[in-house]
Amino acid sequence: MLSQLMAENIDKMDRNILKLLQQDASISMDALAERVHLSRNACWRRIRQMEDAGVIRSRVALIDPAALGLGLTVFVMIRTNMHQSDWLETFARVVRDTPEIIGAHRMSGDLDYVLRVKVPDVDGYDRFYQRLIRQIPIADISASFVMDDIKDTTALPTDLAT
């Protein structure tokens, strides 16, 4: 409900600003304002409002994983028989505290969780796997290794109608 309310308040100008910031968050305010045809101050106010509302959560640098020796992406599918609050809290803590896990999602359907993991190689995945199963009981775990990134982006589609 809250996200729907925020989406209704984001106009075409805000969407243009968001699109450009997703392409390059280091763009100067002057260049951004010129690209969206606003004054510098009006552009800054809109960005500030979107930051205050939580629409813009942060501005980050996107790093090439291979440059850090993290060339393997693994999707880890987890099924559990444990649904008690203490298990869920422990699982969430382990996920937050494990740097190799760069995405974690609770799922509907046959799977309980899907993790997106970045590791150097298959041996790195095995080390990650061994640490994970020592920290928390899991009924079933399987992994799929990414062979080729056809599309891998952080940019959200700002042009879709709400």
C-alpha atoms as a PDB file:
ATOM      1  CA  MET A   1       0.000   0.000   0.000  1.00  0.00           C
ATOM      2  CA  LEU A   2       2.744   2.473   0.965  1.00  0.00           C
ATOM      3  CA  SER A   3       4.774   1.695  -2.167  1.00  0.00           C
ATOM      4  CA  GLN A   4       1.641   2.223  -4.266  1.00  0.00           C
ATOM      5  CA  LEU A   5       1.116   5.629  -2.628  1.00  0.00           C
ATOM      6  CA  MET A   6       4.730   6.575  -3.332  1.00  0.00           C
ATOM      7  CA  ALA A   7       4.415   5.397  -6.947  1.00  0.00           C
ATOM      8  CA  GLU A   8       1.369   7.588  -7.461  1.00  0.00           C
ATOM      9  CA  ASN A   9       3.356  10.647  -6.329  1.00  0.00           C
ATOM     10  CA  ILE A  10       6.235  10.058  -8.743  1.00  0.00           C
ATOM     11  CA  ASP A  11       5.616  12.075 -11.883  1.00  0.00           C
ATOM     12  CA  LYS A  12       7.256  11.912 -15.300  1.00  0.00           C
ATOM     13  CA  MET A  13       9.955  14.403 -14.304  1.00  0.00           C
ATOM     14  CA  ASP A  14      10.873  12.324 -11.239  1.00  0.00           C
ATOM     15  CA  ARG A  15      10.993   9.204 -13.415  1.00  0.00           C
ATOM     16  CA  ASN A  16      13.379  10.944 -15.825  1.00  0.00           C
ATOM     17  CA  ILE A  17      15.602  11.967 -12.928  1.00  0.00           C
ATOM     18  CA  LEU A  18      15.563   8.414 -11.554  1.00  0.00           C
ATOM     19  CA  LYS A  19      16.389   6.946 -14.952  1.00  0.00           C
ATOM     20  CA  LEU A  20      19.426   9.197 -15.322  1.00  0.00           C
ATOM     21  CA  LEU A  21      20.619   8.610 -11.753  1.00  0.00           C
ATOM     22  CA  GLN A  22      20.415   4.848 -12.303  1.00  0.00           C
ATOM     23  CA  GLN A  23      22.654   5.246 -15.341  1.00  0.00           C
ATOM     24  CA  ASP A  24      25.184   7.430 -13.503  1.00  0.00           C
ATOM     25  CA  ALA A  25      24.653   8.494  -9.894  1.00  0.00           C
ATOM     26  CA  SER A  26      27.803  10.630 -10.061  1.00  0.00           C
ATOM     27  CA  ILE A  27      26.284  13.010 -12.626  1.00  0.00           C
ATOM     28  CA  SER A  28      26.622  16.609 -11.501  1.00  0.00           C
ATOM     29  CA  MET A  29      23.499  18.437 -10.403  1.00  0.00           C
ATOM     30  CA  ASP A  30      24.014  20.975 -13.185  1.00  0.00           C
ATOM     31  CA  ALA A  31      24.260  18.279 -15.859  1.00  0.00           C
ATOM     32  CA  LEU A  32      21.279  16.396 -14.464  1.00  0.00           C
ATOM     33  CA  ALA A  33      19.137  19.533 -14.286  1.00  0.00           C
ATOM     34  CA  GLU A  34      20.052  20.402 -17.871  1.00  0.00           C
ATOM     35  CA  ARG A  35      19.188  16.890 -19.109  1.00  0.00           C
ATOM     36  CA  VAL A  36      15.715  16.966 -17.492  1.00  0.00           C
ATOM     37  CA  HIS A  37      15.094  20.649 -18.313  1.00  0.00           C
ATOM     38  CA  LEU A  38      14.792  21.902 -14.748  1.00  0.00           C
ATOM     39  CA  SER A  39      16.643  24.497 -12.726  1.00  0.00           C
ATOM     40  CA  ARG A  40      19.443  23.169 -10.546  1.00  0.00           C
ATOM     41  CA  ASN A  41      17.479  23.987  -7.370  1.00  0.00           C
ATOM     42  CA  ALA A  42      14.243  22.381  -8.584  1.00  0.00           C
ATOM     43  CA  CYS A  43      16.130  19.242  -9.558  1.00  0.00           C
ATOM     44  CA  TRP A  44      17.922  19.122  -6.191  1.00  0.00           C
ATOM     45  CA  ARG A  45      14.596  19.551  -4.326  1.00  0.00           C
ATOM     46  CA  ARG A  46      13.029  16.653  -6.245  1.00  0.00           C
ATOM     47  CA  ILE A  47      15.983  14.383  -5.498  1.00  0.00           C
ATOM     48  CA  ARG A  48      15.936  15.397  -1.831  1.00  0.00           C
ATOM     49  CA  GLN A  49      12.182  14.638  -1.605  1.00  0.00           C
ATOM     50  CA  MET A  50      12.691  11.224  -3.210  1.00  0.00           C
ATOM     51  CA  GLU A  51      15.547  10.486  -0.788  1.00  0.00           C
ATOM     52  CA  ASP A  52      13.449  11.572   2.212  1.00  0.00           C
ATOM     53  CA  ALA A  53      10.533   9.411   1.005  1.00  0.00           C
ATOM     54  CA  GLY A  54      12.811   6.384   0.567  1.00  0.00           C
ATOM     55  CA  VAL A  55      12.330   6.241  -3.202  1.00  0.00           C
ATOM     56  CA  ILE A  56      16.074   6.762  -3.606  1.00  0.00           C
ATOM     57  CA  ARG A  57      17.520   4.389  -1.024  1.00  0.00           C
ATOM     58  CA  SER A  58      21.206   5.036  -1.691  1.00  0.00           C
ATOM     59  CA  ARG A  59      23.758   5.943  -4.315  1.00  0.00           C
ATOM     60  CA  VAL A  60      26.435   3.342  -4.923  1.00  0.00           C
ATOM     61  CA  ALA A  61      29.327   2.371  -7.160  1.00  0.00           C
ATOM     62  CA  LEU A  62      28.778  -0.782  -9.213  1.00  0.00           C
ATOM     63  CA  ILE A  63      31.947  -2.866  -9.228  1.00  0.00           C
ATOM     64  CA  ASP A  64      32.950  -5.468 -11.796  1.00  0.00           C
ATOM     65  CA  PRO A  65      32.890  -8.740  -9.799  1.00  0.00           C
ATOM     66  CA  ALA A  66      35.727 -10.208 -11.882  1.00  0.00           C
ATOM     67  CA  ALA A  67      37.968  -7.312 -10.791  1.00  0.00           C
ATOM     68  CA  LEU A  68      37.608  -8.630  -7.227  1.00  0.00           C
ATOM     69  CA  GLY A  69      38.036 -12.262  -8.228  1.00  0.00           C
ATOM     70  CA  LEU A  70      34.322 -13.016  -7.799  1.00  0.00           C
ATOM     71  CA  GLY A  71      33.667 -14.451 -11.227  1.00  0.00           C
ATOM     72  CA  LEU A  72      31.049 -17.071 -10.333  1.00  0.00           C
ATOM     73  CA  THR A  73      27.400 -16.286  -9.624  1.00  0.00           C
ATOM     74  CA  VAL A  74      25.413 -19.054  -7.979  1.00  0.00           C
ATOM     75  CA  PHE A  75      21.672 -19.259  -7.392  1.00  0.00           C
ATOM     76  CA  VAL A  76      21.102 -21.321  -4.263  1.00  0.00           C
ATOM     77  CA  MET A  77      17.641 -22.817  -3.814  1.00  0.00           C
ATOM     78  CA  ILE A  78      16.654 -23.690  -0.258  1.00  0.00           C
ATOM     79  CA  ARG A  79      13.804 -25.698   1.182  1.00  0.00           C
ATOM     80  CA  THR A  80      13.328 -25.912   4.918  1.00  0.00           C
ATOM     81  CA  ASN A  81      11.077 -27.779   7.292  1.00  0.00           C
ATOM     82  CA  MET A  82      11.680 -25.163   9.963  1.00  0.00           C
ATOM     83  CA  HIS A  83       9.304 -22.218  10.037  1.00  0.00           C
ATOM     84  CA  GLN A  84       9.578 -21.196  13.685  1.00  0.00           C
ATOM     85  CA  SER A  85      10.454 -17.589  14.451  1.00  0.00           C
ATOM     86  CA  ASP A  86      13.813 -18.456  16.059  1.00  0.00           C
ATOM     87  CA  TRP A  87      14.916 -20.357  12.910  1.00  0.00           C
ATOM     88  CA  LEU A  88      13.762 -17.480  10.703  1.00  0.00           C
ATOM     89  CA  GLU A  89      15.660 -14.955  12.833  1.00  0.00           C
ATOM     90  CA  THR A  90      18.812 -17.079  12.731  1.00  0.00           C
ATOM     91  CA  PHE A  91      18.489 -17.583   8.977  1.00  0.00           C
ATOM     92  CA  ALA A  92      18.033 -13.827   8.399  1.00  0.00           C
ATOM     93  CA  ARG A  93      21.074 -13.068  10.599  1.00  0.00           C
ATOM     94  CA  VAL A  94      23.229 -15.635   8.771  1.00  0.00           C
ATOM     95  CA  VAL A  95      22.142 -14.203   5.405  1.00  0.00           C
ATOM     96  CA  ARG A  96      22.889 -10.610   6.482  1.00  0.00           C
ATOM     97  CA  ASP A  97      26.269 -11.604   7.949  1.00  0.00           C
ATOM     98  CA  THR A  98      27.449 -13.661   4.958  1.00  0.00           C
ATOM     99  CA  PRO A  99      29.153 -11.341   2.460  1.00  0.00           C
ATOM    100  CA  GLU A 100      28.978 -13.802  -0.442  1.00  0.00           C
ATOM    101  CA  ILE A 101      25.169 -13.572  -0.359  1.00  0.00           C
ATOM    102  CA  ILE A 102      24.273 -10.518  -2.434  1.00  0.00           C
ATOM    103  CA  GLY A 103      20.558 -11.261  -2.724  1.00  0.00           C
ATOM    104  CA  ALA A 104      18.127 -13.296  -0.648  1.00  0.00           C
ATOM    105  CA  HIS A 105      14.449 -13.809  -1.340  1.00  0.00           C
ATOM    106  CA  ARG A 106      11.660 -15.664   0.475  1.00  0.00           C
ATOM    107  CA  MET A 107       9.611 -17.399  -2.192  1.00  0.00           C
ATOM    108  CA  SER A 108       6.132 -18.715  -2.797  1.00  0.00           C
ATOM    109  CA  GLY A 109       5.709 -22.137  -4.366  1.00  0.00           C
ATOM    110  CA  ASP A 110       8.021 -25.125  -4.019  1.00  0.00           C
ATOM    111  CA  LEU A 111      11.085 -23.209  -2.812  1.00  0.00           C
ATOM    112  CA  ASP A 112      11.342 -21.393   0.489  1.00  0.00           C
ATOM    113  CA  TYR A 113      14.346 -19.189  -0.334  1.00  0.00           C
ATOM    114  CA  VAL A 114      16.561 -18.287  -3.265  1.00  0.00           C
ATOM    115  CA  LEU A 115      19.980 -16.797  -2.628  1.00  0.00           C
ATOM    116  CA  ARG A 116      22.195 -15.035  -5.157  1.00  0.00           C
ATOM    117  CA  VAL A 117      25.792 -15.696  -4.229  1.00  0.00           C
ATOM    118  CA  LYS A 118      29.088 -14.355  -5.631  1.00  0.00           C
ATOM    119  CA  VAL A 119      32.197 -16.496  -5.175  1.00  0.00           C
ATOM    120  CA  PRO A 120      35.545 -16.881  -6.956  1.00  0.00           C
ATOM    121  CA  ASP A 121      34.915 -20.393  -8.298  1.00  0.00           C
ATOM    122  CA  VAL A 122      33.362 -23.791  -7.538  1.00  0.00           C
ATOM    123  CA  ASP A 123      35.785 -24.353  -4.637  1.00  0.00           C
ATOM    124  CA  GLY A 124      34.711 -20.988  -3.251  1.00  0.00           C
ATOM    125  CA  TYR A 125      31.099 -22.095  -3.501  1.00  0.00           C
ATOM    126  CA  ASP A 126      31.895 -25.299  -1.629  1.00  0.00           C
ATOM    127  CA  ARG A 127      33.516 -23.300   1.196  1.00  0.00           C
ATOM    128  CA  PHE A 128      30.432 -21.052   1.307  1.00  0.00           C
ATOM    129  CA  TYR A 129      28.113 -24.089   1.303  1.00  0.00           C
ATOM    130  CA  GLN A 130      30.000 -25.816   4.132  1.00  0.00           C
ATOM    131  CA  ARG A 131      29.875 -22.651   6.272  1.00  0.00           C
ATOM    132  CA  LEU A 132      26.170 -22.135   5.578  1.00  0.00           C
ATOM    133  CA  ILE A 133      25.053 -25.646   6.532  1.00  0.00           C
ATOM    134  CA  ARG A 134      27.173 -25.510   9.727  1.00  0.00           C
ATOM    135  CA  GLN A 135      25.348 -22.359  10.807  1.00  0.00           C
ATOM    136  CA  ILE A 136      21.739 -23.311  10.157  1.00  0.00           C
ATOM    137  CA  PRO A 137      19.776 -26.528   9.511  1.00  0.00           C
ATOM    138  CA  ILE A 138      18.384 -26.734   5.973  1.00  0.00           C
ATOM    139  CA  ALA A 139      16.159 -29.569   4.700  1.00  0.00           C
ATOM    140  CA  ASP A 140      17.225 -29.319   1.044  1.00  0.00           C
ATOM    141  CA  ILE A 141      19.690 -27.129  -0.788  1.00  0.00           C
ATOM    142  CA  SER A 142      20.639 -27.065  -4.454  1.00  0.00           C
ATOM    143  CA  ALA A 143      22.663 -24.709  -6.584  1.00  0.00           C
ATOM    144  CA  SER A 144      22.780 -23.561 -10.175  1.00  0.00           C
ATOM    145  CA  PHE A 145      25.900 -21.898 -11.544  1.00  0.00           C
ATOM    146  CA  VAL A 146      25.501 -18.984 -13.950  1.00  0.00           C
ATOM    147  CA  MET A 147      27.198 -19.825 -17.238  1.00  0.00           C
ATOM    148  CA  ASP A 148      26.574 -16.490 -18.985  1.00  0.00           C
ATOM    149  CA  ASP A 149      25.065 -13.197 -17.839  1.00  0.00           C
ATOM    150  CA  ILE A 150      22.668 -12.325 -20.638  1.00  0.00           C
ATOM    151  CA  LYS A 151      21.260  -9.416 -18.642  1.00  0.00           C
ATOM    152  CA  ASP A 152      22.347  -8.328 -15.177  1.00  0.00           C
ATOM    153  CA  THR A 153      21.275  -4.867 -14.147  1.00  0.00           C
ATOM    154  CA  THR A 154      20.319  -2.919 -11.067  1.00  0.00           C
ATOM    155  CA  ALA A 155      18.305  -0.357 -13.067  1.00  0.00           C
ATOM    156  CA  LEU A 156      14.552  -0.458 -12.533  1.00  0.00           C
ATOM    157  CA  PRO A 157      12.236   0.250 -15.489  1.00  0.00           C
ATOM    158  CA  THR A 158      11.188   3.842 -14.766  1.00  0.00           C
ATOM    159  CA  ASP A 159       9.025   4.187 -17.884  1.00  0.00           C
ATOM    160  CA  LEU A 160       6.402   1.584 -17.008  1.00  0.00           C
ATOM    161  CA  ALA A 161       2.976   2.986 -16.162  1.00  0.00           C
ATOM    162  CA  THR A 162       1.763   2.402 -12.617  1.00  0.00           C
END
